[in-house]
Amino acid sequence: MDLQQTIRKPVSLSGIGLHSGEPASITLSPATADTGVLFRAPDGTLIPANAEHVVDSRSATTIGAYGVRVRTVEHLMAALGALGIDNVVIDVTGPEVPAADGSAKPFVELLRTAGRVTLPTPRPALLIRELIRVGDADRSLEIMPADSFRISYTLDNTHPVIGLQVGSFAVTEQTFSDELAAARTYGFLKDVPLMRQNGLARGGSLDNAVVVGKRIVLNDSLRFPDEFVRHKILDLVGDLHLLGRPVVGHVIGKNAGHALNYQLVVAIQKACAAERRRAAVPRQAARERDTVAERAPRGEGFLPGIAAG
């Protein structure tokens, strides 16, 4: 069984928030086993990065507690999940995690600078034992049993720059670092005015996003020919790390986003809880049988469990 990990030393990163447009910084510090990923807001409020604390999943994954929120955690969560970091305390200054370059690569580099420490506590994997599906015919996510963690994703967009993109990756630390981490978030130029009216993309620029114009990408170039679908997979890796355990299963996605990613996380949690309840029934029955046997009269000429007449 694998063991839990934390980072070796504190590390920091500063920048601007993708959606808020405000200055933002994070400092990651080592944490003890079973802490999980724990964000600490400027006022000291602690917010666990888990499904129970997701308060918004439109355009980004936002977690919160007691009215305090931390926005856009998904790229950092993807790096933590891919590198197997289970326990860390993240102090956040500002309303969201810095956008960096719009990908997970700066966070992977930050974590490698921090180093890793193995903790003497088991890290049980989350084994998918049955098909779990969310969404509809147009947008969907499903996860099925497999021997490893794999994501296969189809992105079908009518924009000529994107079109139909398909990617399938066995998500390991090496594959994530080489093939997925550098894929940047993206948006459409035509949507920017409305997004900014709604408090989104106020810090977005060519430095931290791929901007898609009417017929072309406005950035100098793409990092991958299929950078768009790779970023969708990156986001999914980050949102699945809200489960707090490494997943063993094959995810198949189509045109999903953070809201549907969150639905899948919740569905997985419900399926695991149901499995635990089913497993508990025979254990409880066995305990009751043992209790009856222990309380049965014992004596010469009597069989266990048969009362004397």
Protein backbone atom coordinates (compact mmCIF):
# COMPACT_ATOMS: atom_id res chain seq x y z
CA MET A 1 0.00 0.00 0.00
CA ASP A 2 1.23 3.51 -0.82
CA LEU A 3 2.06 5.94 1.96
CA GLN A 4 0.87 9.53 2.35
CA GLN A 5 3.12 12.43 1.38
CA THR A 6 3.60 16.08 2.25
CA ILE A 7 6.10 18.69 1.08
CA ARG A 8 9.54 19.11 2.64
CA LYS A 9 9.65 22.92 3.03
CA PRO A 10 7.40 25.97 2.59
CA VAL A 11 7.22 27.55 -0.88
CA SER A 12 5.36 30.58 -2.23
CA LEU A 13 4.02 31.93 -5.52
CA SER A 14 2.50 35.31 -6.32
CA GLY A 15 0.59 36.73 -9.26
CA ILE A 16 -2.85 37.91 -10.25
CA GLY A 17 -6.22 36.23 -9.95
CA LEU A 18 -7.60 35.06 -13.28
CA HIS A 19 -11.19 35.98 -12.46
CA SER A 20 -10.87 38.68 -9.80
CA GLY A 21 -8.01 40.55 -11.44
CA GLU A 22 -6.66 41.22 -7.95
CA PRO A 23 -3.17 40.46 -6.59
CA ALA A 24 -2.97 36.95 -5.19
CA SER A 25 -0.35 34.80 -3.50
CA ILE A 26 -0.07 31.37 -1.93
CA THR A 27 2.33 29.81 0.56
CA LEU A 28 2.36 26.03 0.84
CA SER A 29 3.58 24.47 4.10
CA PRO A 30 4.12 20.85 5.22
CA ALA A 31 1.28 19.15 7.10
CA THR A 32 0.89 15.97 9.14
CA ALA A 33 -0.77 12.80 7.92
CA ASP A 34 -4.53 12.87 7.36
CA THR A 35 -4.60 16.69 7.22
CA GLY A 36 -5.54 16.64 3.56
CA VAL A 37 -5.30 19.74 1.40
CA LEU A 38 -6.25 22.62 3.67
CA PHE A 39 -6.55 26.24 2.50
CA ARG A 40 -6.20 29.06 5.03
CA ALA A 41 -7.79 32.38 4.11
CA PRO A 42 -6.29 35.74 5.18
CA ASP A 43 -8.63 35.92 8.20
CA GLY A 44 -7.50 32.48 9.39
CA THR A 45 -10.54 30.54 8.20
CA LEU A 46 -9.57 26.96 7.34
CA ILE A 47 -11.22 25.49 4.24
CA PRO A 48 -10.66 21.80 3.41
CA ALA A 49 -10.34 21.17 -0.31
CA ASN A 50 -13.04 18.53 -0.55
CA ALA A 51 -16.44 18.11 -2.16
CA GLU A 52 -18.28 19.15 1.00
CA HIS A 53 -16.72 22.61 0.75
CA VAL A 54 -17.28 23.32 -2.95
CA VAL A 55 -19.53 26.38 -3.06
CA ASP A 56 -19.33 27.25 -6.77
CA SER A 57 -18.30 25.33 -9.86
CA ARG A 58 -19.16 27.81 -12.61
CA SER A 59 -16.10 28.62 -14.74
CA ALA A 60 -13.79 27.59 -11.86
CA THR A 61 -13.83 25.49 -8.70
CA THR A 62 -14.43 27.59 -5.60
CA ILE A 63 -14.31 26.25 -2.06
CA GLY A 64 -15.58 27.99 1.04
CA ALA A 65 -16.48 27.83 4.72
CA TYR A 66 -18.25 30.23 7.09
CA GLY A 67 -18.86 32.68 4.25
CA VAL A 68 -15.17 32.81 3.24
CA ARG A 69 -14.19 31.64 -0.23
CA VAL A 70 -11.07 30.69 -2.17
CA ARG A 71 -11.54 30.67 -5.92
CA THR A 72 -9.88 28.87 -8.84
CA VAL A 73 -8.19 26.05 -6.94
CA GLU A 74 -8.28 23.47 -9.76
CA HIS A 75 -4.85 23.93 -11.38
CA LEU A 76 -3.04 23.78 -8.05
CA MET A 77 -5.17 20.79 -7.04
CA ALA A 78 -4.24 19.04 -10.30
CA ALA A 79 -0.54 19.47 -9.56
CA LEU A 80 -0.99 18.22 -5.98
CA GLY A 81 -2.94 15.19 -7.15
CA ALA A 82 -0.57 14.27 -9.96
CA LEU A 83 2.49 14.53 -7.70
CA GLY A 84 0.82 12.55 -4.91
CA ILE A 85 0.79 15.33 -2.30
CA ASP A 86 -1.90 14.37 0.20
CA ASN A 87 -1.26 16.81 3.04
CA VAL A 88 -0.47 20.50 2.79
CA VAL A 89 -1.61 23.80 4.30
CA ILE A 90 -2.02 26.58 1.74
CA ASP A 91 -2.13 30.17 2.98
CA VAL A 92 -3.90 32.37 0.45
CA THR A 93 -3.66 36.14 0.17
CA GLY A 94 -6.38 37.52 -2.06
CA PRO A 95 -9.65 35.98 -3.26
CA GLU A 96 -8.20 33.21 -5.40
CA VAL A 97 -5.17 31.15 -6.30
CA PRO A 98 -2.80 33.02 -8.65
CA ALA A 99 -3.41 32.29 -12.32
CA ALA A 100 0.32 31.98 -13.09
CA ASP A 101 0.43 31.18 -16.82
CA GLY A 102 -3.02 29.60 -16.90
CA SER A 103 -1.74 26.03 -16.61
CA ALA A 104 -0.60 23.67 -13.85
CA LYS A 105 3.06 23.73 -14.89
CA PRO A 106 4.14 26.54 -12.50
CA PHE A 107 2.53 24.62 -9.61
CA VAL A 108 4.30 21.40 -10.57
CA GLU A 109 7.60 23.29 -10.60
CA LEU A 110 6.76 24.91 -7.25
CA LEU A 111 6.03 21.54 -5.64
CA ARG A 112 9.24 20.04 -6.95
CA THR A 113 11.14 22.96 -5.45
CA ALA A 114 9.44 22.19 -2.13
CA GLY A 115 10.47 18.53 -2.23
CA ARG A 116 8.48 15.66 -0.77
CA VAL A 117 8.40 13.73 2.49
CA THR A 118 6.82 10.29 2.88
CA LEU A 119 4.70 9.92 6.00
CA PRO A 120 4.28 6.62 7.89
CA THR A 121 0.54 6.48 7.22
CA PRO A 122 -1.17 4.39 4.52
CA ARG A 123 -2.83 6.08 1.56
CA PRO A 124 -5.57 3.69 0.39
CA ALA A 125 -6.61 4.12 -3.22
CA LEU A 126 -10.22 4.70 -4.20
CA LEU A 127 -11.09 1.69 -6.35
CA ILE A 128 -13.98 2.14 -8.75
CA ARG A 129 -16.03 -1.08 -8.73
CA GLU A 130 -19.02 -0.16 -10.88
CA LEU A 131 -19.93 2.24 -13.68
CA ILE A 132 -20.84 5.72 -12.43
CA ARG A 133 -22.26 8.27 -14.88
CA VAL A 134 -23.40 11.89 -14.76
CA GLY A 135 -24.59 14.30 -17.43
CA ASP A 136 -26.63 13.85 -20.57
CA ALA A 137 -26.17 13.09 -24.26
CA ASP A 138 -24.36 16.36 -24.97
CA ARG A 139 -22.17 16.64 -21.88
CA SER A 140 -21.21 13.65 -19.82
CA LEU A 141 -18.69 12.02 -17.53
CA GLU A 142 -18.47 8.40 -16.51
CA ILE A 143 -15.97 6.34 -14.62
CA MET A 144 -15.60 2.58 -14.79
CA PRO A 145 -13.41 -0.05 -13.15
CA ALA A 146 -9.82 -0.23 -14.40
CA ASP A 147 -6.37 -1.26 -13.20
CA SER A 148 -5.03 2.32 -13.18
CA PHE A 149 -6.12 5.95 -13.42
CA ARG A 150 -6.90 6.95 -17.02
CA ILE A 151 -8.86 9.81 -18.56
CA SER A 152 -10.25 9.68 -22.09
CA TYR A 153 -11.90 12.89 -23.23
CA THR A 154 -13.73 14.17 -26.29
CA LEU A 155 -14.08 17.91 -26.85
CA ASP A 156 -16.44 18.75 -29.70
CA ASN A 157 -16.69 22.48 -30.40
CA THR A 158 -18.06 24.23 -33.46
CA HIS A 159 -15.32 26.88 -33.41
CA PRO A 160 -12.92 26.26 -36.34
CA VAL A 161 -9.85 26.63 -34.11
CA ILE A 162 -11.01 23.87 -31.76
CA GLY A 163 -13.25 21.48 -33.67
CA LEU A 164 -13.14 17.85 -32.56
CA GLN A 165 -10.29 16.96 -30.19
CA VAL A 166 -9.81 13.60 -28.48
CA GLY A 167 -7.23 12.72 -25.84
CA SER A 168 -6.58 9.67 -23.69
CA PHE A 169 -3.89 9.54 -21.02
CA ALA A 170 -2.89 7.20 -18.23
CA VAL A 171 -2.49 9.85 -15.55
CA THR A 172 0.84 9.32 -13.82
CA GLU A 173 3.18 11.95 -12.43
CA GLN A 174 5.41 11.67 -15.50
CA THR A 175 2.58 11.78 -18.03
CA PHE A 176 0.91 14.68 -16.27
CA SER A 177 4.16 16.65 -16.14
CA ASP A 178 5.08 15.99 -19.77
CA GLU A 179 1.72 15.93 -21.53
CA LEU A 180 -0.88 17.81 -19.51
CA ALA A 181 0.52 20.28 -16.98
CA ALA A 182 1.47 22.96 -19.54
CA ALA A 183 -1.97 23.06 -21.21
CA ARG A 184 -3.52 26.47 -20.51
CA THR A 185 -7.05 27.53 -19.73
CA TYR A 186 -8.86 29.14 -22.64
CA GLY A 187 -11.69 31.52 -23.42
CA PHE A 188 -13.42 33.20 -26.33
CA LEU A 189 -12.85 36.88 -27.04
CA LYS A 190 -16.55 37.41 -27.78
CA ASP A 191 -17.47 36.25 -24.26
CA VAL A 192 -15.06 38.52 -22.37
CA PRO A 193 -17.34 41.59 -21.91
CA LEU A 194 -20.19 39.53 -20.43
CA MET A 195 -17.82 37.48 -18.29
CA ARG A 196 -16.27 40.60 -16.81
CA GLN A 197 -19.73 42.01 -16.06
CA ASN A 198 -20.33 38.81 -14.09
CA GLY A 199 -17.07 39.07 -12.17
CA LEU A 200 -15.15 36.60 -14.35
CA ALA A 201 -11.92 36.83 -16.37
CA ARG A 202 -11.08 40.28 -15.01
CA GLY A 203 -7.45 39.22 -14.72
CA GLY A 204 -7.38 37.24 -17.95
CA SER A 205 -4.82 38.09 -20.61
CA LEU A 206 -2.64 36.50 -23.26
CA ASP A 207 -0.16 35.85 -20.45
CA ASN A 208 -2.43 33.48 -18.53
CA ALA A 209 -4.95 32.11 -21.04
CA VAL A 210 -5.39 31.00 -24.61
CA VAL A 211 -7.69 33.61 -26.16
CA VAL A 212 -9.75 32.44 -29.11
CA GLY A 213 -10.81 35.11 -31.60
CA LYS A 214 -13.37 34.82 -34.36
CA ARG A 215 -11.17 32.65 -36.57
CA ILE A 216 -7.76 32.40 -34.91
CA VAL A 217 -5.99 32.06 -31.58
CA LEU A 218 -4.71 35.49 -30.53
CA ASN A 219 -1.67 34.09 -28.69
CA ASP A 220 1.56 33.60 -30.59
CA SER A 221 1.09 29.83 -30.67
CA LEU A 222 -0.40 26.82 -28.94
CA ARG A 223 1.72 24.60 -26.72
CA PHE A 224 0.05 21.48 -28.12
CA PRO A 225 -2.07 21.10 -31.27
CA ASP A 226 -4.82 19.78 -28.99
CA GLU A 227 -4.14 22.06 -26.02
CA PHE A 228 -7.85 22.63 -25.44
CA VAL A 229 -8.75 19.01 -24.70
CA ARG A 230 -5.57 18.56 -22.67
CA HIS A 231 -6.61 21.42 -20.44
CA LYS A 232 -10.02 19.84 -19.95
CA ILE A 233 -8.25 16.70 -18.72
CA LEU A 234 -6.00 18.80 -16.46
CA ASP A 235 -9.04 20.43 -14.86
CA LEU A 236 -10.62 17.02 -14.31
CA VAL A 237 -7.48 15.74 -12.57
CA GLY A 238 -7.67 18.72 -10.22
CA ASP A 239 -11.36 18.38 -9.44
CA LEU A 240 -11.02 14.64 -8.78
CA HIS A 241 -8.34 15.39 -6.17
CA LEU A 242 -11.23 16.80 -4.10
CA LEU A 243 -11.85 13.13 -3.25
CA GLY A 244 -8.68 13.17 -1.17
CA ARG A 245 -7.51 9.77 -2.39
CA PRO A 246 -5.87 8.51 -5.58
CA VAL A 247 -8.51 7.18 -7.97
CA VAL A 248 -8.17 3.86 -9.74
CA GLY A 249 -10.61 3.88 -12.63
CA HIS A 250 -11.11 4.98 -16.23
CA VAL A 251 -12.89 8.31 -16.73
CA ILE A 252 -14.54 8.97 -20.08
CA GLY A 253 -15.67 12.54 -20.67
CA LYS A 254 -17.40 14.60 -23.31
CA ASN A 255 -17.73 18.40 -23.30
CA ALA A 256 -17.85 18.60 -19.52
CA GLY A 257 -16.77 21.44 -17.23
CA HIS A 258 -16.20 22.12 -13.55
CA ALA A 259 -19.88 21.77 -12.65
CA LEU A 260 -20.08 18.29 -14.17
CA ASN A 261 -16.68 17.37 -12.71
CA TYR A 262 -18.11 18.21 -9.29
CA GLN A 263 -21.20 16.11 -9.98
CA LEU A 264 -18.95 13.14 -10.76
CA VAL A 265 -17.01 13.65 -7.52
CA VAL A 266 -20.25 13.65 -5.53
CA ALA A 267 -21.55 10.58 -7.40
CA ILE A 268 -18.32 8.70 -6.64
CA GLN A 269 -18.60 9.59 -2.97
CA LYS A 270 -22.21 8.36 -2.86
CA ALA A 271 -21.30 5.10 -4.60
CA CYS A 272 -18.44 4.48 -2.16
CA ALA A 273 -20.71 5.20 0.81
CA ALA A 274 -23.29 2.74 -0.52
CA GLU A 275 -20.58 0.12 -0.98
CA ARG A 276 -19.43 0.58 2.62
CA ARG A 277 -22.99 0.15 3.85
CA ARG A 278 -23.42 -3.04 1.84
CA ALA A 279 -20.15 -4.40 3.18
CA ALA A 280 -21.16 -3.54 6.75
CA VAL A 281 -24.32 -5.70 6.65
CA PRO A 282 -22.60 -9.12 6.63
CA ARG A 283 -20.05 -7.90 9.18
CA GLN A 284 -22.85 -6.81 11.50
CA ALA A 285 -24.66 -10.15 10.98
CA ALA A 286 -21.44 -12.03 11.81
CA ARG A 287 -20.98 -9.99 15.00
CA GLU A 288 -24.57 -10.73 16.05
CA ARG A 289 -24.06 -14.48 15.47
CA ASP A 290 -20.88 -14.37 17.53
CA THR A 291 -22.70 -12.55 20.32
CA VAL A 292 -25.50 -15.14 20.37
CA ALA A 293 -22.96 -17.96 20.48
CA GLU A 294 -21.06 -16.32 23.34
CA ARG A 295 -24.23 -15.86 25.39
CA ALA A 296 -25.56 -19.40 24.82
CA PRO A 297 -25.59 -21.71 27.91
CA ARG A 298 -22.56 -23.89 28.34
CA GLY A 299 -22.69 -27.15 30.31
CA GLU A 300 -22.33 -30.90 30.21
CA GLY A 301 -24.71 -32.55 27.79
CA PHE A 302 -25.74 -29.32 26.13
CA LEU A 303 -25.07 -28.23 22.56
CA PRO A 304 -24.10 -24.59 22.07
CA GLY A 305 -27.14 -22.48 21.32
CA ILE A 306 -29.70 -25.04 22.60
CA ALA A 307 -31.32 -24.20 25.91
CA ALA A 308 -31.77 -26.87 28.59
CA GLY A 309 -35.27 -28.14 29.11
